[in-house]
PDB file of N, CA and C in Angstrom:
ATOM      1  N   UNK A   1     -92.431 188.473  74.898  1.00  0.00           N
ATOM      2  CA  UNK A   1     -92.649 188.388  73.465  1.00  0.00           C
ATOM      3  C   UNK A   1     -94.127 188.136  73.209  1.00  0.00           C
ATOM      4  N   UNK A   2     -94.710 188.927  72.357  1.00  0.00           N
ATOM      5  CA  UNK A   2     -96.114 188.725  72.011  1.00  0.00           C
ATOM      6  C   UNK A   2     -96.224 187.663  70.930  1.00  0.00           C
ATOM      7  N   UNK A   3     -97.365 187.027  70.876  1.00  0.00           N
ATOM      8  CA  UNK A   3     -97.593 186.022  69.846  1.00  0.00           C
ATOM      9  C   UNK A   3     -98.280 186.707  68.670  1.00  0.00           C
ATOM     10  N   UNK A   4     -97.870 186.370  67.448  1.00  0.00           N
ATOM     11  CA  UNK A   4     -98.436 187.064  66.294  1.00  0.00           C
ATOM     12  C   UNK A   4     -99.849 186.612  65.957  1.00  0.00           C
ATOM     13  N   UNK A   5    -100.677 187.590  65.625  1.00  0.00           N
ATOM     14  CA  UNK A   5    -102.024 187.342  65.142  1.00  0.00           C
ATOM     15  C   UNK A   5    -102.074 187.864  63.716  1.00  0.00           C
ATOM     16  N   UNK A   6    -102.469 186.996  62.802  1.00  0.00           N
ATOM     17  CA  UNK A   6    -102.517 187.331  61.381  1.00  0.00           C
ATOM     18  C   UNK A   6    -103.924 187.051  60.874  1.00  0.00           C
ATOM     19  N   UNK A   7    -104.449 187.933  60.036  1.00  0.00           N
ATOM     20  CA  UNK A   7    -105.752 187.694  59.424  1.00  0.00           C
ATOM     21  C   UNK A   7    -105.580 186.660  58.318  1.00  0.00           C
ATOM     22  N   UNK A   8    -106.349 185.578  58.399  1.00  0.00           N
ATOM     23  CA  UNK A   8    -106.295 184.509  57.409  1.00  0.00           C
ATOM     24  C   UNK A   8    -107.684 184.307  56.815  1.00  0.00           C
ATOM     25  N   UNK A   9    -107.725 183.619  55.697  1.00  0.00           N
ATOM     26  CA  UNK A   9    -108.989 183.209  55.097  1.00  0.00           C
ATOM     27  C   UNK A   9    -109.028 181.695  55.137  1.00  0.00           C
ATOM     28  N   UNK A  10    -110.113 181.138  55.655  1.00  0.00           N
ATOM     29  CA  UNK A  10    -110.253 179.685  55.637  1.00  0.00           C
ATOM     30  C   UNK A  10    -111.301 179.335  54.593  1.00  0.00           C
ATOM     31  N   UNK A  11    -111.001 178.301  53.828  1.00  0.00           N
ATOM     32  CA  UNK A  11    -111.905 177.818  52.789  1.00  0.00           C
ATOM     33  C   UNK A  11    -112.282 176.390  53.128  1.00  0.00           C
ATOM     34  N   UNK A  12    -113.554 176.088  53.020  1.00  0.00           N
ATOM     35  CA  UNK A  12    -114.026 174.741  53.313  1.00  0.00           C
ATOM     36  C   UNK A  12    -114.109 173.952  52.016  1.00  0.00           C
ATOM     37  N   UNK A  13    -114.495 172.701  52.106  1.00  0.00           N
ATOM     38  CA  UNK A  13    -114.598 171.839  50.932  1.00  0.00           C
ATOM     39  C   UNK A  13    -115.539 172.374  49.872  1.00  0.00           C
ATOM     40  N   UNK A  14    -116.486 173.173  50.255  1.00  0.00           N
ATOM     41  CA  UNK A  14    -117.436 173.727  49.285  1.00  0.00           C
ATOM     42  C   UNK A  14    -117.000 175.102  48.780  1.00  0.00           C
ATOM     43  N   UNK A  15    -115.743 175.440  49.075  1.00  0.00           N
ATOM     44  CA  UNK A  15    -115.117 176.691  48.644  1.00  0.00           C
ATOM     45  C   UNK A  15    -115.811 177.938  49.190  1.00  0.00           C
ATOM     46  N   UNK A  16    -116.534 177.771  50.270  1.00  0.00           N
ATOM     47  CA  UNK A  16    -117.028 178.942  50.994  1.00  0.00           C
ATOM     48  C   UNK A  16    -115.879 179.425  51.848  1.00  0.00           C
ATOM     49  N   UNK A  17    -115.851 180.715  52.155  1.00  0.00           N
ATOM     50  CA  UNK A  17    -114.711 181.229  52.907  1.00  0.00           C
ATOM     51  C   UNK A  17    -115.159 182.092  54.078  1.00  0.00           C
ATOM     52  N   UNK A  18    -114.242 182.213  55.026  1.00  0.00           N
ATOM     53  CA  UNK A  18    -114.432 183.088  56.181  1.00  0.00           C
ATOM     54  C   UNK A  18    -113.083 183.738  56.474  1.00  0.00           C
ATOM     55  N   UNK A  19    -113.112 185.014  56.800  1.00  0.00           N
ATOM     56  CA  UNK A  19    -111.902 185.747  57.156  1.00  0.00           C
ATOM     57  C   UNK A  19    -111.895 185.926  58.665  1.00  0.00           C
ATOM     58  N   UNK A  20    -110.773 185.560  59.304  1.00  0.00           N
ATOM     59  CA  UNK A  20    -110.711 185.658  60.756  1.00  0.00           C
ATOM     60  C   UNK A  20    -109.273 185.815  61.222  1.00  0.00           C
ATOM     61  N   UNK A  21    -109.101 186.341  62.437  1.00  0.00           N
ATOM     62  CA  UNK A  21    -107.748 186.462  62.988  1.00  0.00           C
ATOM     63  C   UNK A  21    -107.282 185.107  63.524  1.00  0.00           C
ATOM     64  N   UNK A  22    -106.034 184.762  63.215  1.00  0.00           N
ATOM     65  CA  UNK A  22    -105.467 183.495  63.686  1.00  0.00           C
ATOM     66  C   UNK A  22    -104.227 183.784  64.510  1.00  0.00           C
ATOM     67  N   UNK A  23    -104.173 183.182  65.678  1.00  0.00           N
ATOM     68  CA  UNK A  23    -103.011 183.271  66.541  1.00  0.00           C
ATOM     69  C   UNK A  23    -102.043 182.171  66.132  1.00  0.00           C
ATOM     70  N   UNK A  24    -100.805 182.536  65.802  1.00  0.00           N
ATOM     71  CA  UNK A  24     -99.777 181.548  65.478  1.00  0.00           C
ATOM     72  C   UNK A  24     -99.041 181.249  66.774  1.00  0.00           C
ATOM     73  N   UNK A  25     -99.198 179.999  67.258  1.00  0.00           N
ATOM     74  CA  UNK A  25     -98.748 179.640  68.595  1.00  0.00           C
ATOM     75  C   UNK A  25     -97.916 178.367  68.553  1.00  0.00           C
ATOM     76  N   UNK A  26     -96.606 178.519  68.668  1.00  0.00           N
ATOM     77  CA  UNK A  26     -95.721 177.354  68.651  1.00  0.00           C
ATOM     78  C   UNK A  26     -95.849 176.536  69.939  1.00  0.00           C
ATOM     79  N   UNK A  27     -96.524 177.056  70.948  1.00  0.00           N
ATOM     80  CA  UNK A  27     -96.750 176.330  72.191  1.00  0.00           C
ATOM     81  C   UNK A  27     -97.925 175.377  72.115  1.00  0.00           C
ATOM     82  N   UNK A  28     -98.696 175.462  71.046  1.00  0.00           N
ATOM     83  CA  UNK A  28     -99.806 174.551  70.819  1.00  0.00           C
ATOM     84  C   UNK A  28     -99.442 173.652  69.650  1.00  0.00           C
ATOM     85  N   UNK A  29     -99.554 172.342  69.798  1.00  0.00           N
ATOM     86  CA  UNK A  29     -99.236 171.469  68.673  1.00  0.00           C
ATOM     87  C   UNK A  29    -100.361 171.490  67.651  1.00  0.00           C
ATOM     88  N   UNK A  30    -101.604 171.479  68.123  1.00  0.00           N
ATOM     89  CA  UNK A  30    -102.755 171.361  67.236  1.00  0.00           C
ATOM     90  C   UNK A  30    -103.191 172.708  66.664  1.00  0.00           C
ATOM     91  N   UNK A  31    -103.745 172.648  65.463  1.00  0.00           N
ATOM     92  CA  UNK A  31    -104.445 173.794  64.901  1.00  0.00           C
ATOM     93  C   UNK A  31    -105.899 173.636  65.307  1.00  0.00           C
ATOM     94  N   UNK A  32    -106.460 174.701  65.854  1.00  0.00           N
ATOM     95  CA  UNK A  32    -107.811 174.651  66.415  1.00  0.00           C
ATOM     96  C   UNK A  32    -108.620 175.811  65.844  1.00  0.00           C
ATOM     97  N   UNK A  33    -109.860 175.540  65.483  1.00  0.00           N
ATOM     98  CA  UNK A  33    -110.757 176.592  65.012  1.00  0.00           C
ATOM     99  C   UNK A  33    -112.048 176.518  65.827  1.00  0.00           C
ATOM    100  N   UNK A  34    -112.593 177.692  66.141  1.00  0.00           N
ATOM    101  CA  UNK A  34    -113.854 177.726  66.888  1.00  0.00           C
ATOM    102  C   UNK A  34    -114.991 177.327  65.940  1.00  0.00           C
ATOM    103  N   UNK A  35    -115.875 176.480  66.401  1.00  0.00           N
ATOM    104  CA  UNK A  35    -116.948 175.923  65.577  1.00  0.00           C
ATOM    105  C   UNK A  35    -117.800 177.005  64.930  1.00  0.00           C
ATOM    106  N   UNK A  36    -118.117 178.057  65.668  1.00  0.00           N
ATOM    107  CA  UNK A  36    -119.003 179.080  65.106  1.00  0.00           C
ATOM    108  C   UNK A  36    -118.303 179.986  64.080  1.00  0.00           C
ATOM    109  N   UNK A  37    -117.007 179.769  63.842  1.00  0.00           N
ATOM    110  CA  UNK A  37    -116.278 180.527  62.811  1.00  0.00           C
ATOM    111  C   UNK A  37    -116.295 179.817  61.462  1.00  0.00           C
ATOM    112  N   UNK A  38    -116.712 178.565  61.445  1.00  0.00           N
ATOM    113  CA  UNK A  38    -116.760 177.815  60.200  1.00  0.00           C
ATOM    114  C   UNK A  38    -117.987 178.209  59.396  1.00  0.00           C
ATOM    115  N   UNK A  39    -117.861 178.136  58.083  1.00  0.00           N
ATOM    116  CA  UNK A  39    -118.997 178.489  57.230  1.00  0.00           C
ATOM    117  C   UNK A  39    -120.038 177.378  57.264  1.00  0.00           C
ATOM    118  N   UNK A  40    -121.247 177.766  56.967  1.00  0.00           N
ATOM    119  CA  UNK A  40    -122.365 176.818  56.927  1.00  0.00           C
ATOM    120  C   UNK A  40    -122.057 175.711  55.922  1.00  0.00           C
ATOM    121  N   UNK A  41    -122.295 174.484  56.327  1.00  0.00           N
ATOM    122  CA  UNK A  41    -122.058 173.348  55.441  1.00  0.00           C
ATOM    123  C   UNK A  41    -120.676 172.736  55.555  1.00  0.00           C
ATOM    124  N   UNK A  42    -119.815 173.295  56.415  1.00  0.00           N
ATOM    125  CA  UNK A  42    -118.492 172.707  56.604  1.00  0.00           C
ATOM    126  C   UNK A  42    -118.646 171.302  57.189  1.00  0.00           C
ATOM    127  N   UNK A  43    -117.952 170.348  56.606  1.00  0.00           N
ATOM    128  CA  UNK A  43    -118.015 168.975  57.090  1.00  0.00           C
ATOM    129  C   UNK A  43    -117.113 168.846  58.318  1.00  0.00           C
ATOM    130  N   UNK A  44    -117.724 168.482  59.433  1.00  0.00           N
ATOM    131  CA  UNK A  44    -116.979 168.232  60.676  1.00  0.00           C
ATOM    132  C   UNK A  44    -117.030 166.732  60.932  1.00  0.00           C
ATOM    133  N   UNK A  45    -115.858 166.104  60.887  1.00  0.00           N
ATOM    134  CA  UNK A  45    -115.776 164.663  61.134  1.00  0.00           C
ATOM    135  C   UNK A  45    -115.730 164.427  62.640  1.00  0.00           C
ATOM    136  N   UNK A  46    -116.705 163.691  63.178  1.00  0.00           N
ATOM    137  CA  UNK A  46    -116.694 163.445  64.624  1.00  0.00           C
ATOM    138  C   UNK A  46    -115.536 162.541  65.022  1.00  0.00           C
ATOM    139  N   UNK A  47    -115.111 162.666  66.260  1.00  0.00           N
ATOM    140  CA  UNK A  47    -114.044 161.825  66.797  1.00  0.00           C
ATOM    141  C   UNK A  47    -114.632 160.529  67.333  1.00  0.00           C
ATOM    142  N   UNK A  48    -113.832 159.472  67.290  1.00  0.00           N
ATOM    143  CA  UNK A  48    -114.295 158.174  67.801  1.00  0.00           C
ATOM    144  C   UNK A  48    -114.532 158.236  69.309  1.00  0.00           C
ATOM    145  N   UNK A  49    -113.687 158.993  70.007  1.00  0.00           N
ATOM    146  CA  UNK A  49    -113.825 159.163  71.455  1.00  0.00           C
ATOM    147  C   UNK A  49    -113.757 160.651  71.772  1.00  0.00           C
ATOM    148  N   UNK A  50    -114.529 161.107  72.755  1.00  0.00           N
ATOM    149  CA  UNK A  50    -114.494 162.530  73.103  1.00  0.00           C
ATOM    150  C   UNK A  50    -113.076 162.974  73.460  1.00  0.00           C
ATOM    151  N   UNK A  51    -112.756 164.209  73.112  1.00  0.00           N
ATOM    152  CA  UNK A  51    -111.420 164.733  73.381  1.00  0.00           C
ATOM    153  C   UNK A  51    -111.541 166.056  74.105  1.00  0.00           C
ATOM    154  N   UNK A  52    -110.737 166.217  75.134  1.00  0.00           N
ATOM    155  CA  UNK A  52    -110.655 167.487  75.855  1.00  0.00           C
ATOM    156  C   UNK A  52    -109.189 167.842  75.977  1.00  0.00           C
ATOM    157  N   UNK A  53    -108.880 169.090  75.713  1.00  0.00           N
ATOM    158  CA  UNK A  53    -107.511 169.571  75.814  1.00  0.00           C
ATOM    159  C   UNK A  53    -107.437 170.656  76.867  1.00  0.00           C
ATOM    160  N   UNK A  54    -106.274 170.775  77.495  1.00  0.00           N
ATOM    161  CA  UNK A  54    -106.079 171.892  78.432  1.00  0.00           C
ATOM    162  C   UNK A  54    -105.927 173.177  77.641  1.00  0.00           C
ATOM    163  N   UNK A  55    -106.522 174.231  78.144  1.00  0.00           N
ATOM    164  CA  UNK A  55    -106.378 175.544  77.529  1.00  0.00           C
ATOM    165  C   UNK A  55    -105.288 176.335  78.216  1.00  0.00           C
ATOM    166  N   UNK A  56    -104.991 177.516  77.689  1.00  0.00           N
ATOM    167  CA  UNK A  56    -103.939 178.361  78.247  1.00  0.00           C
ATOM    168  C   UNK A  56    -104.318 178.909  79.619  1.00  0.00           C
ATOM    169  N   UNK A  57    -105.596 179.124  79.850  1.00  0.00           N
ATOM    170  CA  UNK A  57    -106.066 179.627  81.130  1.00  0.00           C
ATOM    171  C   UNK A  57    -106.093 178.485  82.139  1.00  0.00           C
ATOM    172  N   UNK A  58    -105.574 178.741  83.320  1.00  0.00           N
ATOM    173  CA  UNK A  58    -105.510 177.706  84.350  1.00  0.00           C
ATOM    174  C   UNK A  58    -106.885 177.082  84.575  1.00  0.00           C
ATOM    175  N   UNK A  59    -106.915 175.748  84.490  1.00  0.00           N
ATOM    176  CA  UNK A  59    -108.141 175.007  84.751  1.00  0.00           C
ATOM    177  C   UNK A  59    -109.091 174.902  83.569  1.00  0.00           C
ATOM    178  N   UNK A  60    -108.775 175.558  82.450  1.00  0.00           N
ATOM    179  CA  UNK A  60    -109.710 175.508  81.313  1.00  0.00           C
ATOM    180  C   UNK A  60    -109.512 174.220  80.514  1.00  0.00           C
ATOM    181  N   UNK A  61    -110.580 173.744  79.956  1.00  0.00           N
ATOM    182  CA  UNK A  61    -110.582 172.546  79.118  1.00  0.00           C
ATOM    183  C   UNK A  61    -111.324 172.868  77.828  1.00  0.00           C
ATOM    184  N   UNK A  62    -110.685 172.564  76.703  1.00  0.00           N
ATOM    185  CA  UNK A  62    -111.324 172.771  75.407  1.00  0.00           C
ATOM    186  C   UNK A  62    -112.109 171.527  75.041  1.00  0.00           C
ATOM    187  N   UNK A  63    -113.348 171.722  74.628  1.00  0.00           N
ATOM    188  CA  UNK A  63    -114.181 170.613  74.171  1.00  0.00           C
ATOM    189  C   UNK A  63    -114.047 170.515  72.652  1.00  0.00           C
ATOM    190  N   UNK A  64    -113.583 169.376  72.163  1.00  0.00           N
ATOM    191  CA  UNK A  64    -113.345 169.180  70.745  1.00  0.00           C
ATOM    192  C   UNK A  64    -114.535 168.446  70.142  1.00  0.00           C
ATOM    193  N   UNK A  65    -115.161 169.062  69.145  1.00  0.00           N
ATOM    194  CA  UNK A  65    -116.349 168.491  68.504  1.00  0.00           C
ATOM    195  C   UNK A  65    -115.986 167.533  67.373  1.00  0.00           C
ATOM    196  N   UNK A  66    -114.789 167.676  66.808  1.00  0.00           N
ATOM    197  CA  UNK A  66    -114.370 166.831  65.686  1.00  0.00           C
ATOM    198  C   UNK A  66    -113.230 167.505  64.951  1.00  0.00           C
ATOM    199  N   UNK A  67    -113.041 167.112  63.693  1.00  0.00           N
ATOM    200  CA  UNK A  67    -112.005 167.722  62.868  1.00  0.00           C
ATOM    201  C   UNK A  67    -112.610 168.191  61.553  1.00  0.00           C
ATOM    202  N   UNK A  68    -111.967 169.173  60.945  1.00  0.00           N
ATOM    203  CA  UNK A  68    -112.402 169.682  59.642  1.00  0.00           C
ATOM    204  C   UNK A  68    -111.167 169.915  58.782  1.00  0.00           C
ATOM    205  N   UNK A  69    -111.259 169.525  57.525  1.00  0.00           N
ATOM    206  CA  UNK A  69    -110.167 169.780  56.594  1.00  0.00           C
ATOM    207  C   UNK A  69    -110.362 171.183  56.022  1.00  0.00           C
ATOM    208  N   UNK A  70    -109.338 172.011  56.159  1.00  0.00           N
ATOM    209  CA  UNK A  70    -109.440 173.409  55.744  1.00  0.00           C
ATOM    210  C   UNK A  70    -108.300 173.785  54.821  1.00  0.00           C
ATOM    211  N   UNK A  71    -108.592 174.654  53.890  1.00  0.00           N
ATOM    212  CA  UNK A  71    -107.552 175.367  53.158  1.00  0.00           C
ATOM    213  C   UNK A  71    -107.411 176.691  53.886  1.00  0.00           C
ATOM    214  N   UNK A  72    -106.191 177.006  54.292  1.00  0.00           N
ATOM    215  CA  UNK A  72    -105.931 178.241  55.034  1.00  0.00           C
ATOM    216  C   UNK A  72    -105.093 179.139  54.147  1.00  0.00           C
ATOM    217  N   UNK A  73    -105.614 180.301  53.818  1.00  0.00           N
ATOM    218  CA  UNK A  73    -104.887 181.261  52.993  1.00  0.00           C
ATOM    219  C   UNK A  73    -104.223 182.272  53.921  1.00  0.00           C
ATOM    220  N   UNK A  74    -102.888 182.272  53.871  1.00  0.00           N
ATOM    221  CA  UNK A  74    -102.086 183.186  54.685  1.00  0.00           C
ATOM    222  C   UNK A  74    -101.344 184.071  53.696  1.00  0.00           C
ATOM    223  N   UNK A  75    -101.821 185.291  53.532  1.00  0.00           N
ATOM    224  CA  UNK A  75    -101.248 186.150  52.501  1.00  0.00           C
ATOM    225  C   UNK A  75    -101.485 185.496  51.150  1.00  0.00           C
ATOM    226  N   UNK A  76    -100.450 185.376  50.317  1.00  0.00           N
ATOM    227  CA  UNK A  76    -100.628 184.783  48.989  1.00  0.00           C
ATOM    228  C   UNK A  76    -100.557 183.248  48.972  1.00  0.00           C
ATOM    229  N   UNK A  77    -100.199 182.641  50.100  1.00  0.00           N
ATOM    230  CA  UNK A  77     -99.975 181.190  50.140  1.00  0.00           C
ATOM    231  C   UNK A  77    -101.200 180.467  50.701  1.00  0.00           C
ATOM    232  N   UNK A  78    -101.529 179.319  50.088  1.00  0.00           N
ATOM    233  CA  UNK A  78    -102.605 178.474  50.595  1.00  0.00           C
ATOM    234  C   UNK A  78    -102.018 177.164  51.085  1.00  0.00           C
ATOM    235  N   UNK A  79    -102.463 176.742  52.268  1.00  0.00           N
ATOM    236  CA  UNK A  79    -102.026 175.464  52.823  1.00  0.00           C
ATOM    237  C   UNK A  79    -103.258 174.632  53.152  1.00  0.00           C
ATOM    238  N   UNK A  80    -103.095 173.328  53.174  1.00  0.00           N
ATOM    239  CA  UNK A  80    -104.187 172.410  53.476  1.00  0.00           C
ATOM    240  C   UNK A  80    -103.830 171.666  54.756  1.00  0.00           C
ATOM    241  N   UNK A  81    -104.752 171.672  55.714  1.00  0.00           N
ATOM    242  CA  UNK A  81    -104.491 170.943  56.956  1.00  0.00           C
ATOM    243  C   UNK A  81    -105.805 170.655  57.673  1.00  0.00           C
ATOM    244  N   UNK A  82    -105.757 169.645  58.537  1.00  0.00           N
ATOM    245  CA  UNK A  82    -106.901 169.360  59.403  1.00  0.00           C
ATOM    246  C   UNK A  82    -106.812 170.248  60.632  1.00  0.00           C
ATOM    247  N   UNK A  83    -107.955 170.705  61.095  1.00  0.00           N
ATOM    248  CA  UNK A  83    -108.025 171.501  62.316  1.00  0.00           C
ATOM    249  C   UNK A  83    -108.994 170.826  63.275  1.00  0.00           C
ATOM    250  N   UNK A  84    -108.656 170.864  64.555  1.00  0.00           N
ATOM    251  CA  UNK A  84    -109.605 170.433  65.572  1.00  0.00           C
ATOM    252  C   UNK A  84    -110.672 171.505  65.677  1.00  0.00           C
ATOM    253  N   UNK A  85    -111.911 171.097  65.817  1.00  0.00           N
ATOM    254  CA  UNK A  85    -113.025 172.037  65.934  1.00  0.00           C
ATOM    255  C   UNK A  85    -113.455 172.060  67.388  1.00  0.00           C
ATOM    256  N   UNK A  86    -113.295 173.219  68.022  1.00  0.00           N
ATOM    257  CA  UNK A  86    -113.620 173.359  69.446  1.00  0.00           C
ATOM    258  C   UNK A  86    -114.866 174.227  69.601  1.00  0.00           C
ATOM    259  N   UNK A  87    -115.637 173.915  70.604  1.00  0.00           N
ATOM    260  CA  UNK A  87    -116.851 174.690  70.853  1.00  0.00           C
ATOM    261  C   UNK A  87    -116.617 175.834  71.823  1.00  0.00           C
ATOM    262  N   UNK A  88    -115.518 175.797  72.571  1.00  0.00           N
ATOM    263  CA  UNK A  88    -115.344 176.785  73.640  1.00  0.00           C
ATOM    264  C   UNK A  88    -113.946 177.400  73.691  1.00  0.00           C
ATOM    265  N   UNK A  89    -113.285 177.535  72.555  1.00  0.00           N
ATOM    266  CA  UNK A  89    -111.960 178.153  72.547  1.00  0.00           C
ATOM    267  C   UNK A  89    -112.120 179.674  72.482  1.00  0.00           C
ATOM    268  N   UNK A  90    -111.259 180.403  73.192  1.00  0.00           N
ATOM    269  CA  UNK A  90    -111.391 181.864  73.270  1.00  0.00           C
ATOM    270  C   UNK A  90    -111.058 182.549  71.947  1.00  0.00           C
ATOM    271  N   UNK A  91    -110.058 182.070  71.247  1.00  0.00           N
ATOM    272  CA  UNK A  91    -109.645 182.651  69.965  1.00  0.00           C
ATOM    273  C   UNK A  91    -110.446 182.046  68.820  1.00  0.00           C
ATOM    274  N   UNK A  92    -110.579 182.791  67.736  1.00  0.00           N
ATOM    275  CA  UNK A  92    -111.276 182.272  66.565  1.00  0.00           C
ATOM    276  C   UNK A  92    -110.517 181.090  65.964  1.00  0.00           C
ATOM    277  N   UNK A  93    -109.167 181.244  65.900  1.00  0.00           N
ATOM    278  CA  UNK A  93    -108.348 180.178  65.339  1.00  0.00           C
ATOM    279  C   UNK A  93    -106.952 180.240  65.944  1.00  0.00           C
ATOM    280  N   UNK A  94    -106.379 179.064  66.180  1.00  0.00           N
ATOM    281  CA  UNK A  94    -104.998 178.944  66.639  1.00  0.00           C
ATOM    282  C   UNK A  94    -104.287 178.048  65.639  1.00  0.00           C
ATOM    283  N   UNK A  95    -103.243 178.560  65.033  1.00  0.00           N
ATOM    284  CA  UNK A  95    -102.424 177.743  64.134  1.00  0.00           C
ATOM    285  C   UNK A  95    -101.276 177.200  64.976  1.00  0.00           C
ATOM    286  N   UNK A  96    -101.255 175.882  65.137  1.00  0.00           N
ATOM    287  CA  UNK A  96    -100.295 175.246  66.025  1.00  0.00           C
ATOM    288  C   UNK A  96     -98.996 174.840  65.346  1.00  0.00           C
ATOM    289  N   UNK A  97     -98.072 174.363  66.165  1.00  0.00           N
ATOM    290  CA  UNK A  97     -96.731 173.995  65.702  1.00  0.00           C
ATOM    291  C   UNK A  97     -96.758 172.875  64.668  1.00  0.00           C
ATOM    292  N   UNK A  98     -97.691 171.941  64.778  1.00  0.00           N
ATOM    293  CA  UNK A  98     -97.776 170.849  63.804  1.00  0.00           C
ATOM    294  C   UNK A  98     -97.990 171.374  62.393  1.00  0.00           C
ATOM    295  N   UNK A  99     -98.913 172.296  62.248  1.00  0.00           N
ATOM    296  CA  UNK A  99     -99.179 172.914  60.948  1.00  0.00           C
ATOM    297  C   UNK A  99     -97.988 173.754  60.499  1.00  0.00           C
ATOM    298  N   UNK A 100     -97.410 174.511  61.427  1.00  0.00           N
ATOM    299  CA  UNK A 100     -96.274 175.369  61.065  1.00  0.00           C
ATOM    300  C   UNK A 100     -95.089 174.534  60.594  1.00  0.00           C
ATOM    301  N   UNK A 101     -94.840 173.394  61.232  1.00  0.00           N
ATOM    302  CA  UNK A 101     -93.732 172.542  60.813  1.00  0.00           C
ATOM    303  C   UNK A 101     -93.980 171.943  59.438  1.00  0.00           C
ATOM    304  N   UNK A 102     -95.202 171.477  59.204  1.00  0.00           N
ATOM    305  CA  UNK A 102     -95.526 170.860  57.911  1.00  0.00           C
ATOM    306  C   UNK A 102     -95.358 171.823  56.743  1.00  0.00           C
ATOM    307  N   UNK A 103     -95.686 173.092  56.978  1.00  0.00           N
ATOM    308  CA  UNK A 103     -95.729 174.061  55.884  1.00  0.00           C
ATOM    309  C   UNK A 103     -94.621 175.104  55.963  1.00  0.00           C
ATOM    310  N   UNK A 104     -93.584 174.843  56.743  1.00  0.00           N
ATOM    311  CA  UNK A 104     -92.419 175.722  56.839  1.00  0.00           C
ATOM    312  C   UNK A 104     -92.822 177.163  57.181  1.00  0.00           C
ATOM    313  N   UNK A 105     -93.604 177.284  58.238  1.00  0.00           N
ATOM    314  CA  UNK A 105     -94.020 178.592  58.750  1.00  0.00           C
ATOM    315  C   UNK A 105     -93.274 178.809  60.055  1.00  0.00           C
ATOM    316  N   UNK A 106     -92.696 179.974  60.219  1.00  0.00           N
ATOM    317  CA  UNK A 106     -91.981 180.237  61.464  1.00  0.00           C
ATOM    318  C   UNK A 106     -92.384 181.586  62.034  1.00  0.00           C
ATOM    319  N   UNK A 107     -92.110 181.747  63.308  1.00  0.00           N
ATOM    320  CA  UNK A 107     -92.373 183.000  64.011  1.00  0.00           C
ATOM    321  C   UNK A 107     -91.024 183.643  64.277  1.00  0.00           C
ATOM    322  N   UNK A 108     -90.858 184.853  63.825  1.00  0.00           N
ATOM    323  CA  UNK A 108     -89.601 185.575  64.015  1.00  0.00           C
ATOM    324  C   UNK A 108     -89.816 186.696  65.012  1.00  0.00           C
ATOM    325  N   UNK A 109     -88.831 186.868  65.890  1.00  0.00           N
ATOM    326  CA  UNK A 109     -88.887 187.907  66.910  1.00  0.00           C
ATOM    327  C   UNK A 109     -87.742 188.889  66.673  1.00  0.00           C
ATOM    328  N   UNK A 110     -88.081 190.165  66.648  1.00  0.00           N
ATOM    329  CA  UNK A 110     -87.056 191.194  66.515  1.00  0.00           C
ATOM    330  C   UNK A 110     -87.407 192.341  67.456  1.00  0.00           C
ATOM    331  N   UNK A 111     -86.601 192.489  68.477  1.00  0.00           N
ATOM    332  CA  UNK A 111     -86.819 193.550  69.471  1.00  0.00           C
ATOM    333  C   UNK A 111     -88.211 193.497  70.088  1.00  0.00           C
ATOM    334  N   UNK A 112     -88.693 192.298  70.346  1.00  0.00           N
ATOM    335  CA  UNK A 112     -90.006 192.135  70.993  1.00  0.00           C
ATOM    336  C   UNK A 112     -91.184 192.128  70.040  1.00  0.00           C
ATOM    337  N   UNK A 113     -90.966 192.465  68.766  1.00  0.00           N
ATOM    338  CA  UNK A 113     -92.043 192.422  67.772  1.00  0.00           C
ATOM    339  C   UNK A 113     -91.962 191.087  67.029  1.00  0.00           C
ATOM    340  N   UNK A 114     -93.088 190.420  66.912  1.00  0.00           N
ATOM    341  CA  UNK A 114     -93.099 189.130  66.252  1.00  0.00           C
ATOM    342  C   UNK A 114     -93.797 189.229  64.907  1.00  0.00           C
ATOM    343  N   UNK A 115     -93.423 188.333  63.996  1.00  0.00           N
ATOM    344  CA  UNK A 115     -94.086 188.260  62.700  1.00  0.00           C
ATOM    345  C   UNK A 115     -94.039 186.832  62.210  1.00  0.00           C
ATOM    346  N   UNK A 116     -94.948 186.503  61.324  1.00  0.00           N
ATOM    347  CA  UNK A 116     -95.038 185.170  60.745  1.00  0.00           C
ATOM    348  C   UNK A 116     -94.305 185.187  59.414  1.00  0.00           C
ATOM    349  N   UNK A 117     -93.451 184.168  59.204  1.00  0.00           N
ATOM    350  CA  UNK A 117     -92.671 184.078  57.982  1.00  0.00           C
ATOM    351  C   UNK A 117     -93.016 182.748  57.298  1.00  0.00           C
ATOM    352  N   UNK A 118     -93.382 182.829  56.032  1.00  0.00           N
ATOM    353  CA  UNK A 118     -93.694 181.632  55.248  1.00  0.00           C
ATOM    354  C   UNK A 118     -92.436 181.223  54.488  1.00  0.00           C
ATOM    355  N   UNK A 119     -92.054 179.918  54.573  1.00  0.00           N
ATOM    356  CA  UNK A 119     -90.861 179.428  53.904  1.00  0.00           C
ATOM    357  C   UNK A 119     -91.039 179.259  52.434  1.00  0.00           C
TER     358      UNK A 119
END
């Protein structure tokens, strides 16, 4: 089963926006965005202690720079959530299970084709 990638728009506190592909991944709890995908002036709140997460690739470690509050526009729906900001993640954005659970987003599989469904 392939994981769905959907084009989303992220809006920062200053209402600047960026359009990027987001992988919807129920195997990741956290929502993660690559630092260089954020618009200029996005407020990144540093973490009290450094954080490293395991990546999907064997032996990889994601370096987390902090968190950012984002409005994520998925089709006609806008959701608000915090995202971890990583400096070395391969994808532009990963929408994790925590965000999907909060906002009633699910991944549906039909004959090997996946799609994102907003509740």
